[in-house]
Amino acid sequence: MRDLSDEEMSETPLLFKGKASPFYIKIIGLKKGKGVFISKQEWNLGKTPGRICLYIMKKFPHVKYDYGMEPDESGWKVRRVE
């Protein structure tokens, strides 16, 4: 066993007990007022990012997101409101 520095901890994403996509991890890790853009090219799941947001908001009622597709349909924007 060895100690890890703050830099090593921030570089390595942590895995949870269950299987989670990198998109779920990124969306649930957003701070209030922060957002993320997910392009259609990098999206490899069948459902939209909105489904992930709805799942998180149902599981954690204190968390709220604004989300939607770009007008040119190049991808989705997700922003944490609460």
C-alpha atoms as a PDB file:
ATOM      1  CA  MET A   1       0.000   0.000   0.000  1.00  0.00           C
ATOM      2  CA  ARG A   2       1.238   3.503  -0.749  1.00  0.00           C
ATOM      3  CA  ASP A   3       0.108   7.073  -0.187  1.00  0.00           C
ATOM      4  CA  LEU A   4      -1.202   9.063  -3.140  1.00  0.00           C
ATOM      5  CA  SER A   5      -0.650  12.750  -3.764  1.00  0.00           C
ATOM      6  CA  ASP A   6      -3.504  15.120  -4.626  1.00  0.00           C
ATOM      7  CA  GLU A   7      -2.250  15.207  -8.214  1.00  0.00           C
ATOM      8  CA  GLU A   8      -2.371  11.418  -8.553  1.00  0.00           C
ATOM      9  CA  MET A   9      -5.886  11.340  -7.080  1.00  0.00           C
ATOM     10  CA  SER A  10      -7.184  14.001  -9.487  1.00  0.00           C
ATOM     11  CA  GLU A  11      -5.647  12.293 -12.552  1.00  0.00           C
ATOM     12  CA  THR A  12      -7.245   8.910 -11.948  1.00  0.00           C
ATOM     13  CA  PRO A  13     -11.048   8.560 -12.145  1.00  0.00           C
ATOM     14  CA  LEU A  14     -12.541   6.439  -9.417  1.00  0.00           C
ATOM     15  CA  LEU A  15     -14.692   3.450 -10.235  1.00  0.00           C
ATOM     16  CA  PHE A  16     -17.879   2.841  -8.307  1.00  0.00           C
ATOM     17  CA  LYS A  17     -19.393  -0.401  -7.112  1.00  0.00           C
ATOM     18  CA  GLY A  18     -21.597  -0.643 -10.176  1.00  0.00           C
ATOM     19  CA  LYS A  19     -20.803  -0.132 -13.819  1.00  0.00           C
ATOM     20  CA  ALA A  20     -21.015   3.559 -14.763  1.00  0.00           C
ATOM     21  CA  SER A  21     -20.329   5.279 -18.064  1.00  0.00           C
ATOM     22  CA  PRO A  22     -17.815   8.133 -18.244  1.00  0.00           C
ATOM     23  CA  PHE A  23     -20.734  10.406 -19.195  1.00  0.00           C
ATOM     24  CA  TYR A  24     -22.613   9.546 -15.982  1.00  0.00           C
ATOM     25  CA  ILE A  25     -19.477  10.176 -13.928  1.00  0.00           C
ATOM     26  CA  LYS A  26     -18.892  13.541 -15.645  1.00  0.00           C
ATOM     27  CA  ILE A  27     -22.527  14.684 -15.282  1.00  0.00           C
ATOM     28  CA  ILE A  28     -22.893  13.657 -11.645  1.00  0.00           C
ATOM     29  CA  GLY A  29     -19.570  15.338 -10.848  1.00  0.00           C
ATOM     30  CA  LEU A  30     -20.690  18.756 -12.104  1.00  0.00           C
ATOM     31  CA  LYS A  31     -20.732  21.601  -9.576  1.00  0.00           C
ATOM     32  CA  LYS A  32     -23.565  24.161  -9.427  1.00  0.00           C
ATOM     33  CA  GLY A  33     -23.445  26.504 -12.407  1.00  0.00           C
ATOM     34  CA  LYS A  34     -21.014  24.333 -14.384  1.00  0.00           C
ATOM     35  CA  GLY A  35     -21.850  22.592 -17.619  1.00  0.00           C
ATOM     36  CA  VAL A  36     -20.584  20.135 -20.177  1.00  0.00           C
ATOM     37  CA  PHE A  37     -21.018  19.696 -23.930  1.00  0.00           C
ATOM     38  CA  ILE A  38     -21.300  16.139 -25.280  1.00  0.00           C
ATOM     39  CA  SER A  39     -20.928  15.827 -29.046  1.00  0.00           C
ATOM     40  CA  LYS A  40     -22.803  13.261 -31.103  1.00  0.00           C
ATOM     41  CA  GLN A  41     -19.496  11.767 -32.268  1.00  0.00           C
ATOM     42  CA  GLU A  42     -18.393  10.855 -28.739  1.00  0.00           C
ATOM     43  CA  TRP A  43     -21.845   9.701 -27.586  1.00  0.00           C
ATOM     44  CA  ASN A  44     -21.919   5.905 -27.832  1.00  0.00           C
ATOM     45  CA  LEU A  45     -24.942   5.024 -25.708  1.00  0.00           C
ATOM     46  CA  GLY A  46     -28.424   4.399 -27.048  1.00  0.00           C
ATOM     47  CA  LYS A  47     -30.242   6.910 -24.868  1.00  0.00           C
ATOM     48  CA  THR A  48     -29.674  10.655 -24.704  1.00  0.00           C
ATOM     49  CA  PRO A  49     -27.814  12.480 -21.922  1.00  0.00           C
ATOM     50  CA  GLY A  50     -31.207  13.758 -20.793  1.00  0.00           C
ATOM     51  CA  ARG A  51     -32.060  10.233 -19.635  1.00  0.00           C
ATOM     52  CA  ILE A  52     -28.953  10.220 -17.433  1.00  0.00           C
ATOM     53  CA  CYS A  53     -29.980  13.605 -15.994  1.00  0.00           C
ATOM     54  CA  LEU A  54     -33.515  12.375 -15.267  1.00  0.00           C
ATOM     55  CA  TYR A  55     -32.130   9.275 -13.556  1.00  0.00           C
ATOM     56  CA  ILE A  56     -29.792  11.356 -11.366  1.00  0.00           C
ATOM     57  CA  MET A  57     -32.564  13.855 -10.483  1.00  0.00           C
ATOM     58  CA  LYS A  58     -34.855  10.978  -9.478  1.00  0.00           C
ATOM     59  CA  LYS A  59     -32.153   9.289  -7.403  1.00  0.00           C
ATOM     60  CA  PHE A  60     -30.903  12.542  -5.813  1.00  0.00           C
ATOM     61  CA  PRO A  61     -33.869  14.981  -5.486  1.00  0.00           C
ATOM     62  CA  HIS A  62     -31.645  17.897  -4.410  1.00  0.00           C
ATOM     63  CA  VAL A  63     -29.766  17.843  -7.762  1.00  0.00           C
ATOM     64  CA  LYS A  64     -31.302  19.629 -10.792  1.00  0.00           C
ATOM     65  CA  TYR A  65     -30.056  19.947 -14.379  1.00  0.00           C
ATOM     66  CA  ASP A  66     -30.891  21.961 -17.497  1.00  0.00           C
ATOM     67  CA  TYR A  67     -30.200  19.910 -20.601  1.00  0.00           C
ATOM     68  CA  GLY A  68     -30.991  19.836 -24.276  1.00  0.00           C
ATOM     69  CA  MET A  69     -29.746  19.407 -27.809  1.00  0.00           C
ATOM     70  CA  GLU A  70     -27.903  22.135 -29.681  1.00  0.00           C
ATOM     71  CA  PRO A  71     -29.968  23.850 -32.430  1.00  0.00           C
ATOM     72  CA  ASP A  72     -27.648  22.432 -35.115  1.00  0.00           C
ATOM     73  CA  GLU A  73     -28.005  18.942 -33.568  1.00  0.00           C
ATOM     74  CA  SER A  74     -24.240  18.583 -33.095  1.00  0.00           C
ATOM     75  CA  GLY A  75     -24.598  17.419 -29.500  1.00  0.00           C
ATOM     76  CA  TRP A  76     -26.105  18.106 -26.087  1.00  0.00           C
ATOM     77  CA  LYS A  77     -25.499  20.665 -23.351  1.00  0.00           C
ATOM     78  CA  VAL A  78     -25.957  19.748 -19.709  1.00  0.00           C
ATOM     79  CA  ARG A  79     -25.746  22.329 -16.918  1.00  0.00           C
ATOM     80  CA  ARG A  80     -26.228  21.757 -13.201  1.00  0.00           C
ATOM     81  CA  VAL A  81     -28.700  24.249 -11.716  1.00  0.00           C
ATOM     82  CA  GLU A  82     -28.965  23.075  -8.091  1.00  0.00           C
END
